[in-house]
Amino acid sequence: MIQALGSRDGLVQDAKVQRSVPGLDDAALTAARRWLFKPATFKGKLIAVWTVIPIKFSLP
């Protein structure tokens, strides 16, 4: 689980590991930092917001 701060421009401004999987934390953070969000709004203004992102790994 990654906690990410989506900025007003939709980019991930900050990301932290919330629940760890040993050996996969760096890959999860790298993936989360590449995401693009639809910016959140409050009273008609764009705001930055923290969200939790579940990252699932699987083998092909």
C-alpha atoms as a PDB file:
ATOM      1  CA  MET A   1       0.000   0.000   0.000  1.00  0.00           C
ATOM      2  CA  ILE A   2       1.323   3.374  -1.020  1.00  0.00           C
ATOM      3  CA  GLN A   3       0.138   6.696   0.357  1.00  0.00           C
ATOM      4  CA  ALA A   4       0.455   9.327  -2.371  1.00  0.00           C
ATOM      5  CA  LEU A   5      -0.042  13.068  -2.452  1.00  0.00           C
ATOM      6  CA  GLY A   6      -1.762  14.094  -5.674  1.00  0.00           C
ATOM      7  CA  SER A   7      -0.907  17.703  -6.444  1.00  0.00           C
ATOM      8  CA  ARG A   8      -3.137  20.349  -7.993  1.00  0.00           C
ATOM      9  CA  ASP A   9      -1.648  19.572 -11.415  1.00  0.00           C
ATOM     10  CA  GLY A  10      -2.425  15.838 -11.102  1.00  0.00           C
ATOM     11  CA  LEU A  11       1.129  14.636 -10.563  1.00  0.00           C
ATOM     12  CA  VAL A  12       2.250  12.602  -7.560  1.00  0.00           C
ATOM     13  CA  GLN A  13       4.044  15.143  -5.387  1.00  0.00           C
ATOM     14  CA  ASP A  14       5.049  12.732  -2.608  1.00  0.00           C
ATOM     15  CA  ALA A  15       4.706   9.005  -1.958  1.00  0.00           C
ATOM     16  CA  LYS A  16       5.277   6.856   1.128  1.00  0.00           C
ATOM     17  CA  VAL A  17       5.056   3.148   1.821  1.00  0.00           C
ATOM     18  CA  GLN A  18       2.084   2.546   4.093  1.00  0.00           C
ATOM     19  CA  ARG A  19       2.181  -1.257   4.152  1.00  0.00           C
ATOM     20  CA  SER A  20       5.422  -2.949   3.152  1.00  0.00           C
ATOM     21  CA  VAL A  21       6.204  -6.014   1.074  1.00  0.00           C
ATOM     22  CA  PRO A  22       9.923  -6.652   1.617  1.00  0.00           C
ATOM     23  CA  GLY A  23      11.870  -6.324  -1.617  1.00  0.00           C
ATOM     24  CA  LEU A  24       9.047  -4.651  -3.559  1.00  0.00           C
ATOM     25  CA  ASP A  25       8.775  -1.266  -1.833  1.00  0.00           C
ATOM     26  CA  ASP A  26      11.023   0.565  -4.309  1.00  0.00           C
ATOM     27  CA  ALA A  27       9.146  -0.858  -7.306  1.00  0.00           C
ATOM     28  CA  ALA A  28       5.795   0.144  -5.778  1.00  0.00           C
ATOM     29  CA  LEU A  29       7.002   3.707  -5.105  1.00  0.00           C
ATOM     30  CA  THR A  30       8.409   4.009  -8.628  1.00  0.00           C
ATOM     31  CA  ALA A  31       5.101   2.874 -10.130  1.00  0.00           C
ATOM     32  CA  ALA A  32       3.038   5.229  -7.950  1.00  0.00           C
ATOM     33  CA  ARG A  33       5.207   8.252  -8.806  1.00  0.00           C
ATOM     34  CA  ARG A  34       4.451   7.741 -12.515  1.00  0.00           C
ATOM     35  CA  TRP A  35       0.678   7.957 -12.064  1.00  0.00           C
ATOM     36  CA  LEU A  36      -1.387  10.918 -13.131  1.00  0.00           C
ATOM     37  CA  PHE A  37      -4.485  11.835 -11.131  1.00  0.00           C
ATOM     38  CA  LYS A  38      -7.524  13.910 -11.917  1.00  0.00           C
ATOM     39  CA  PRO A  39      -6.957  16.792  -9.466  1.00  0.00           C
ATOM     40  CA  ALA A  40      -9.330  17.023  -6.524  1.00  0.00           C
ATOM     41  CA  THR A  41     -11.449  20.104  -5.979  1.00  0.00           C
ATOM     42  CA  PHE A  42     -12.883  21.784  -2.910  1.00  0.00           C
ATOM     43  CA  LYS A  43     -15.354  24.642  -3.255  1.00  0.00           C
ATOM     44  CA  GLY A  44     -14.423  24.906  -6.924  1.00  0.00           C
ATOM     45  CA  LYS A  45     -10.662  25.177  -6.353  1.00  0.00           C
ATOM     46  CA  LEU A  46      -8.023  22.585  -7.186  1.00  0.00           C
ATOM     47  CA  ILE A  47      -6.402  21.073  -4.093  1.00  0.00           C
ATOM     48  CA  ALA A  48      -3.676  18.575  -3.288  1.00  0.00           C
ATOM     49  CA  VAL A  49      -4.942  15.451  -1.528  1.00  0.00           C
ATOM     50  CA  TRP A  50      -3.462  12.320   0.040  1.00  0.00           C
ATOM     51  CA  THR A  51      -4.802   8.985  -1.170  1.00  0.00           C
ATOM     52  CA  VAL A  52      -3.969   5.344  -0.544  1.00  0.00           C
ATOM     53  CA  ILE A  53      -3.074   3.236  -3.569  1.00  0.00           C
ATOM     54  CA  PRO A  54      -3.047  -0.555  -3.359  1.00  0.00           C
ATOM     55  CA  ILE A  55      -0.263  -1.937  -5.556  1.00  0.00           C
ATOM     56  CA  LYS A  56      -0.658  -5.556  -6.636  1.00  0.00           C
ATOM     57  CA  PHE A  57       2.242  -7.571  -7.987  1.00  0.00           C
ATOM     58  CA  SER A  58       1.729 -10.755  -9.952  1.00  0.00           C
ATOM     59  CA  LEU A  59       3.832 -13.173 -11.932  1.00  0.00           C
ATOM     60  CA  PRO A  60       2.911 -13.786 -15.585  1.00  0.00           C
END
